[in-house]
Amino acid sequence: MATIKRFEDLECWQEARKLVNIVYGVTNSTNFREDIDLKRQMRRSTISVMANIAEGFHRNSNKDFLKFLDYSRSSIAETLSHGYIGLDQNYIVAKEFENLQAQAEIVWKQLNRFVSYLNRSNQSN
């Protein structure tokens, strides 16, 4: 693995950024604007995915970093849960939700691989 010097270099953060852009696009629809609370909560949860990766990167230990990566994974689940509400309320269409799910899955898998890598790294130290 290449040496990573900034959180922006992390692929999981880069993919989380794409997820945020998808959520912003979806929540900008006319139908979604009617539910301000859900719109804000969905945006906050997806922003939290990115923010926790960045914050964890700048912690003093892998143990702390792992905790923040776990928060990011939880925020992905929260974002998807909000997406289901948007889908059920007809704020978004199935295709938009599938796009959201697909990107969330990419971030989820990258976070899981990164967590596994950090855990292996901790065991060898």
N, C-alpha and C. Protein backbone atom coordinates (compact mmCIF):
# COMPACT_ATOMS: atom_id res chain seq x y z
N MET A 1 0.84 -1.18 0.00
CA MET A 1 0.00 0.00 0.00
C MET A 1 0.89 1.24 0.00
N ALA A 2 0.59 2.17 -0.85
CA ALA A 2 1.36 3.40 -0.93
C ALA A 2 1.20 4.21 0.36
N THR A 3 2.22 5.00 0.66
CA THR A 3 2.14 5.86 1.83
C THR A 3 1.11 6.95 1.60
N ILE A 4 0.22 7.06 2.54
CA ILE A 4 -0.85 8.05 2.45
C ILE A 4 -0.51 9.17 3.43
N LYS A 5 -0.46 10.37 2.92
CA LYS A 5 -0.07 11.50 3.76
C LYS A 5 -1.24 12.40 4.13
N ARG A 6 -2.32 12.32 3.35
CA ARG A 6 -3.49 13.18 3.59
C ARG A 6 -4.75 12.33 3.48
N PHE A 7 -5.77 12.70 4.23
CA PHE A 7 -7.00 11.93 4.17
C PHE A 7 -7.61 11.95 2.77
N GLU A 8 -7.34 13.01 2.01
CA GLU A 8 -7.87 13.11 0.65
C GLU A 8 -7.31 12.02 -0.28
N ASP A 9 -6.19 11.42 0.12
CA ASP A 9 -5.58 10.36 -0.67
C ASP A 9 -6.27 9.01 -0.47
N LEU A 10 -7.06 8.88 0.58
CA LEU A 10 -7.73 7.62 0.87
C LEU A 10 -8.86 7.37 -0.14
N GLU A 11 -8.83 6.21 -0.76
CA GLU A 11 -9.88 5.89 -1.74
C GLU A 11 -11.25 5.85 -1.10
N CYS A 12 -11.35 5.38 0.14
CA CYS A 12 -12.66 5.33 0.79
C CYS A 12 -13.22 6.74 1.00
N TRP A 13 -12.35 7.71 1.29
CA TRP A 13 -12.81 9.10 1.43
C TRP A 13 -13.24 9.64 0.07
N GLN A 14 -12.49 9.36 -0.97
CA GLN A 14 -12.84 9.82 -2.31
C GLN A 14 -14.19 9.26 -2.75
N GLU A 15 -14.44 7.99 -2.47
CA GLU A 15 -15.72 7.39 -2.82
C GLU A 15 -16.84 7.91 -1.93
N ALA A 16 -16.54 8.21 -0.68
CA ALA A 16 -17.54 8.81 0.22
C ALA A 16 -17.94 10.20 -0.29
N ARG A 17 -17.00 10.90 -0.85
CA ARG A 17 -17.28 12.21 -1.44
C ARG A 17 -18.28 12.06 -2.60
N LYS A 18 -18.11 11.02 -3.40
CA LYS A 18 -19.06 10.76 -4.48
C LYS A 18 -20.44 10.46 -3.92
N LEU A 19 -20.48 9.72 -2.81
CA LEU A 19 -21.75 9.42 -2.17
C LEU A 19 -22.45 10.70 -1.71
N VAL A 20 -21.69 11.61 -1.13
CA VAL A 20 -22.26 12.89 -0.71
C VAL A 20 -22.87 13.62 -1.91
N ASN A 21 -22.15 13.63 -3.01
CA ASN A 21 -22.67 14.31 -4.20
C ASN A 21 -23.95 13.66 -4.72
N ILE A 22 -24.03 12.35 -4.64
CA ILE A 22 -25.26 11.66 -5.05
C ILE A 22 -26.41 12.07 -4.13
N VAL A 23 -26.16 12.07 -2.84
CA VAL A 23 -27.22 12.43 -1.88
C VAL A 23 -27.67 13.88 -2.10
N TYR A 24 -26.74 14.77 -2.32
CA TYR A 24 -27.13 16.16 -2.58
C TYR A 24 -27.97 16.26 -3.85
N GLY A 25 -27.59 15.50 -4.87
CA GLY A 25 -28.37 15.52 -6.11
C GLY A 25 -29.77 15.00 -5.89
N VAL A 26 -29.89 13.89 -5.18
CA VAL A 26 -31.19 13.28 -4.91
C VAL A 26 -32.06 14.20 -4.06
N THR A 27 -31.47 14.79 -3.04
CA THR A 27 -32.27 15.61 -2.11
C THR A 27 -32.59 16.99 -2.67
N ASN A 28 -32.02 17.34 -3.81
CA ASN A 28 -32.38 18.60 -4.45
C ASN A 28 -33.66 18.51 -5.28
N SER A 29 -34.21 17.30 -5.40
CA SER A 29 -35.43 17.16 -6.20
C SER A 29 -36.59 17.91 -5.53
N THR A 30 -37.52 18.30 -6.33
CA THR A 30 -38.69 19.06 -5.85
C THR A 30 -39.43 18.30 -4.77
N ASN A 31 -39.64 16.99 -4.99
CA ASN A 31 -40.39 16.20 -4.00
C ASN A 31 -39.68 16.14 -2.66
N PHE A 32 -38.38 16.02 -2.68
CA PHE A 32 -37.61 15.91 -1.44
C PHE A 32 -37.60 17.21 -0.66
N ARG A 33 -37.71 18.31 -1.36
CA ARG A 33 -37.69 19.62 -0.69
C ARG A 33 -38.85 19.80 0.27
N GLU A 34 -39.91 19.03 0.07
CA GLU A 34 -41.08 19.16 0.94
C GLU A 34 -40.83 18.60 2.33
N ASP A 35 -39.87 17.71 2.46
CA ASP A 35 -39.56 17.10 3.74
C ASP A 35 -38.18 17.58 4.20
N ILE A 36 -38.17 18.79 4.74
CA ILE A 36 -36.92 19.44 5.11
C ILE A 36 -36.14 18.63 6.15
N ASP A 37 -36.84 18.05 7.12
CA ASP A 37 -36.16 17.29 8.18
C ASP A 37 -35.44 16.07 7.61
N LEU A 38 -36.12 15.32 6.75
CA LEU A 38 -35.48 14.14 6.17
C LEU A 38 -34.32 14.56 5.27
N LYS A 39 -34.52 15.60 4.49
CA LYS A 39 -33.45 16.09 3.61
C LYS A 39 -32.21 16.44 4.42
N ARG A 40 -32.39 17.18 5.49
CA ARG A 40 -31.25 17.59 6.32
C ARG A 40 -30.59 16.39 7.00
N GLN A 41 -31.40 15.48 7.51
CA GLN A 41 -30.85 14.31 8.20
C GLN A 41 -30.08 13.42 7.24
N MET A 42 -30.61 13.24 6.05
CA MET A 42 -29.92 12.41 5.05
C MET A 42 -28.59 13.04 4.65
N ARG A 43 -28.60 14.35 4.49
CA ARG A 43 -27.35 15.04 4.15
C ARG A 43 -26.35 14.94 5.30
N ARG A 44 -26.82 15.14 6.53
CA ARG A 44 -25.91 15.07 7.68
C ARG A 44 -25.28 13.69 7.80
N SER A 45 -26.09 12.65 7.61
CA SER A 45 -25.54 11.30 7.77
C SER A 45 -24.50 10.99 6.71
N THR A 46 -24.73 11.44 5.49
CA THR A 46 -23.75 11.15 4.43
C THR A 46 -22.50 12.02 4.58
N ILE A 47 -22.68 13.24 5.05
CA ILE A 47 -21.52 14.09 5.34
C ILE A 47 -20.68 13.44 6.44
N SER A 48 -21.34 12.82 7.39
CA SER A 48 -20.66 12.15 8.49
C SER A 48 -19.76 11.02 8.01
N VAL A 49 -20.15 10.36 6.92
CA VAL A 49 -19.31 9.30 6.36
C VAL A 49 -17.94 9.89 6.01
N MET A 50 -17.95 10.96 5.24
CA MET A 50 -16.70 11.61 4.83
C MET A 50 -15.93 12.18 6.02
N ALA A 51 -16.65 12.89 6.88
CA ALA A 51 -16.03 13.61 7.98
C ALA A 51 -15.34 12.66 8.96
N ASN A 52 -15.97 11.52 9.24
CA ASN A 52 -15.37 10.58 10.19
C ASN A 52 -14.11 9.92 9.63
N ILE A 53 -14.07 9.70 8.34
CA ILE A 53 -12.84 9.18 7.73
C ILE A 53 -11.72 10.20 7.91
N ALA A 54 -12.03 11.45 7.60
CA ALA A 54 -11.03 12.52 7.73
C ALA A 54 -10.59 12.71 9.17
N GLU A 55 -11.56 12.76 10.08
CA GLU A 55 -11.23 12.98 11.49
C GLU A 55 -10.41 11.81 12.04
N GLY A 56 -10.82 10.60 11.72
CA GLY A 56 -10.10 9.43 12.21
C GLY A 56 -8.67 9.37 11.70
N PHE A 57 -8.47 9.81 10.47
CA PHE A 57 -7.14 9.81 9.87
C PHE A 57 -6.16 10.63 10.71
N HIS A 58 -6.65 11.67 11.33
CA HIS A 58 -5.78 12.56 12.09
C HIS A 58 -5.76 12.26 13.58
N ARG A 59 -6.24 11.09 13.97
CA ARG A 59 -6.12 10.64 15.36
C ARG A 59 -4.73 10.07 15.58
N ASN A 60 -4.41 9.88 16.83
CA ASN A 60 -3.05 9.47 17.19
C ASN A 60 -2.79 7.98 17.10
N SER A 61 -3.82 7.18 16.90
CA SER A 61 -3.59 5.74 16.89
C SER A 61 -4.52 5.06 15.89
N ASN A 62 -4.11 3.87 15.47
CA ASN A 62 -4.97 3.07 14.60
C ASN A 62 -6.26 2.70 15.32
N LYS A 63 -6.16 2.48 16.64
CA LYS A 63 -7.35 2.12 17.41
C LYS A 63 -8.40 3.23 17.31
N ASP A 64 -7.99 4.46 17.47
CA ASP A 64 -8.93 5.59 17.33
C ASP A 64 -9.44 5.70 15.89
N PHE A 65 -8.53 5.53 14.94
CA PHE A 65 -8.92 5.60 13.53
C PHE A 65 -9.98 4.55 13.22
N LEU A 66 -9.78 3.34 13.73
CA LEU A 66 -10.75 2.26 13.51
C LEU A 66 -12.12 2.61 14.06
N LYS A 67 -12.14 3.29 15.20
CA LYS A 67 -13.42 3.70 15.79
C LYS A 67 -14.15 4.66 14.84
N PHE A 68 -13.43 5.59 14.26
CA PHE A 68 -14.05 6.56 13.35
C PHE A 68 -14.47 5.92 12.03
N LEU A 69 -13.71 4.93 11.58
CA LEU A 69 -14.13 4.21 10.38
C LEU A 69 -15.41 3.44 10.64
N ASP A 70 -15.56 2.93 11.85
CA ASP A 70 -16.80 2.26 12.21
C ASP A 70 -17.96 3.24 12.24
N TYR A 71 -17.72 4.44 12.74
CA TYR A 71 -18.76 5.48 12.70
C TYR A 71 -19.17 5.76 11.25
N SER A 72 -18.19 5.78 10.35
CA SER A 72 -18.49 6.01 8.94
C SER A 72 -19.40 4.91 8.39
N ARG A 73 -19.10 3.68 8.75
CA ARG A 73 -19.94 2.57 8.28
C ARG A 73 -21.36 2.71 8.82
N SER A 74 -21.48 3.11 10.07
CA SER A 74 -22.81 3.31 10.65
C SER A 74 -23.56 4.43 9.93
N SER A 75 -22.84 5.45 9.54
CA SER A 75 -23.47 6.57 8.83
C SER A 75 -23.93 6.17 7.43
N ILE A 76 -23.24 5.22 6.82
CA ILE A 76 -23.69 4.70 5.53
C ILE A 76 -25.05 4.01 5.72
N ALA A 77 -25.15 3.19 6.75
CA ALA A 77 -26.42 2.51 7.03
C ALA A 77 -27.53 3.52 7.29
N GLU A 78 -27.22 4.56 8.04
CA GLU A 78 -28.21 5.60 8.32
C GLU A 78 -28.64 6.29 7.03
N THR A 79 -27.69 6.61 6.17
CA THR A 79 -28.01 7.26 4.90
C THR A 79 -28.94 6.38 4.07
N LEU A 80 -28.63 5.10 3.98
CA LEU A 80 -29.48 4.19 3.22
C LEU A 80 -30.87 4.08 3.83
N SER A 81 -30.95 4.06 5.13
CA SER A 81 -32.25 4.00 5.80
C SER A 81 -33.09 5.23 5.43
N HIS A 82 -32.46 6.39 5.43
CA HIS A 82 -33.16 7.61 5.02
C HIS A 82 -33.57 7.52 3.55
N GLY A 83 -32.71 6.92 2.75
CA GLY A 83 -33.02 6.74 1.33
C GLY A 83 -34.26 5.90 1.13
N TYR A 84 -34.40 4.85 1.95
CA TYR A 84 -35.61 4.02 1.87
C TYR A 84 -36.87 4.84 2.16
N ILE A 85 -36.77 5.73 3.12
CA ILE A 85 -37.91 6.60 3.43
C ILE A 85 -38.23 7.46 2.22
N GLY A 86 -37.19 8.05 1.63
CA GLY A 86 -37.39 8.87 0.43
C GLY A 86 -38.03 8.07 -0.70
N LEU A 87 -37.59 6.83 -0.86
CA LEU A 87 -38.16 5.96 -1.88
C LEU A 87 -39.62 5.64 -1.56
N ASP A 88 -39.89 5.27 -0.32
CA ASP A 88 -41.25 4.91 0.09
C ASP A 88 -42.23 6.08 -0.01
N GLN A 89 -41.72 7.29 0.18
CA GLN A 89 -42.57 8.48 0.11
C GLN A 89 -42.63 9.07 -1.30
N ASN A 90 -41.99 8.37 -2.24
CA ASN A 90 -41.95 8.81 -3.65
C ASN A 90 -41.22 10.14 -3.83
N TYR A 91 -40.25 10.41 -2.95
CA TYR A 91 -39.40 11.58 -3.13
C TYR A 91 -38.33 11.30 -4.17
N ILE A 92 -37.92 10.02 -4.26
CA ILE A 92 -36.94 9.60 -5.25
C ILE A 92 -37.48 8.38 -5.98
N VAL A 93 -36.97 8.15 -7.15
CA VAL A 93 -37.40 6.99 -7.94
C VAL A 93 -36.42 5.84 -7.70
N ALA A 94 -36.85 4.65 -8.09
CA ALA A 94 -36.06 3.45 -7.84
C ALA A 94 -34.66 3.54 -8.42
N LYS A 95 -34.53 4.08 -9.61
CA LYS A 95 -33.21 4.19 -10.26
C LYS A 95 -32.26 5.07 -9.44
N GLU A 96 -32.77 6.17 -8.90
CA GLU A 96 -31.94 7.04 -8.06
C GLU A 96 -31.50 6.30 -6.79
N PHE A 97 -32.44 5.56 -6.21
CA PHE A 97 -32.11 4.81 -5.00
C PHE A 97 -31.08 3.72 -5.30
N GLU A 98 -31.21 3.05 -6.43
CA GLU A 98 -30.24 2.02 -6.81
C GLU A 98 -28.85 2.62 -6.98
N ASN A 99 -28.77 3.81 -7.55
CA ASN A 99 -27.50 4.51 -7.71
C ASN A 99 -26.90 4.84 -6.33
N LEU A 100 -27.74 5.30 -5.43
CA LEU A 100 -27.32 5.59 -4.06
C LEU A 100 -26.82 4.32 -3.38
N GLN A 101 -27.58 3.25 -3.50
CA GLN A 101 -27.19 1.96 -2.91
C GLN A 101 -25.86 1.47 -3.46
N ALA A 102 -25.69 1.57 -4.76
CA ALA A 102 -24.46 1.08 -5.39
C ALA A 102 -23.24 1.84 -4.89
N GLN A 103 -23.35 3.16 -4.78
CA GLN A 103 -22.22 3.95 -4.29
C GLN A 103 -21.98 3.67 -2.82
N ALA A 104 -23.03 3.52 -2.04
CA ALA A 104 -22.88 3.20 -0.62
C ALA A 104 -22.16 1.86 -0.46
N GLU A 105 -22.48 0.91 -1.32
CA GLU A 105 -21.84 -0.41 -1.28
C GLU A 105 -20.34 -0.30 -1.59
N ILE A 106 -20.00 0.54 -2.53
CA ILE A 106 -18.58 0.76 -2.86
C ILE A 106 -17.84 1.29 -1.64
N VAL A 107 -18.40 2.30 -1.00
CA VAL A 107 -17.76 2.90 0.18
C VAL A 107 -17.69 1.87 1.30
N TRP A 108 -18.78 1.15 1.52
CA TRP A 108 -18.85 0.14 2.58
C TRP A 108 -17.73 -0.90 2.41
N LYS A 109 -17.60 -1.41 1.20
CA LYS A 109 -16.57 -2.43 0.94
C LYS A 109 -15.17 -1.87 1.12
N GLN A 110 -14.95 -0.66 0.67
CA GLN A 110 -13.62 -0.06 0.83
C GLN A 110 -13.30 0.16 2.30
N LEU A 111 -14.28 0.61 3.06
CA LEU A 111 -14.07 0.79 4.49
C LEU A 111 -13.77 -0.55 5.16
N ASN A 112 -14.51 -1.59 4.79
CA ASN A 112 -14.26 -2.91 5.37
C ASN A 112 -12.86 -3.41 5.06
N ARG A 113 -12.42 -3.22 3.81
CA ARG A 113 -11.06 -3.64 3.45
C ARG A 113 -10.02 -2.84 4.23
N PHE A 114 -10.26 -1.55 4.38
CA PHE A 114 -9.32 -0.69 5.09
C PHE A 114 -9.27 -1.07 6.58
N VAL A 115 -10.41 -1.35 7.16
CA VAL A 115 -10.47 -1.79 8.56
C VAL A 115 -9.68 -3.09 8.72
N SER A 116 -9.88 -4.03 7.80
CA SER A 116 -9.13 -5.30 7.85
C SER A 116 -7.63 -5.04 7.76
N TYR A 117 -7.23 -4.16 6.86
CA TYR A 117 -5.82 -3.82 6.71
C TYR A 117 -5.26 -3.24 8.01
N LEU A 118 -5.97 -2.31 8.60
CA LEU A 118 -5.49 -1.68 9.85
C LEU A 118 -5.45 -2.70 10.98
N ASN A 119 -6.41 -3.59 11.04
CA ASN A 119 -6.40 -4.63 12.06
C ASN A 119 -5.20 -5.56 11.90
N ARG A 120 -4.91 -5.94 10.66
CA ARG A 120 -3.73 -6.79 10.41
C ARG A 120 -2.46 -6.03 10.79
N SER A 121 -2.43 -4.77 10.47
CA SER A 121 -1.27 -3.93 10.78
C SER A 121 -1.07 -3.83 12.29
N ASN A 122 -2.15 -3.71 13.02
CA ASN A 122 -2.08 -3.66 14.50
C ASN A 122 -1.55 -4.97 15.07
N GLN A 123 -1.95 -6.09 14.50
CA GLN A 123 -1.54 -7.40 15.00
C GLN A 123 -0.06 -7.65 14.75
N SER A 124 0.46 -7.12 13.65
CA SER A 124 1.87 -7.36 13.35
C SER A 124 2.79 -6.41 14.11
N ASN A 125 2.23 -5.38 14.73
CA ASN A 125 3.06 -4.43 15.50
C ASN A 125 3.09 -4.78 16.93
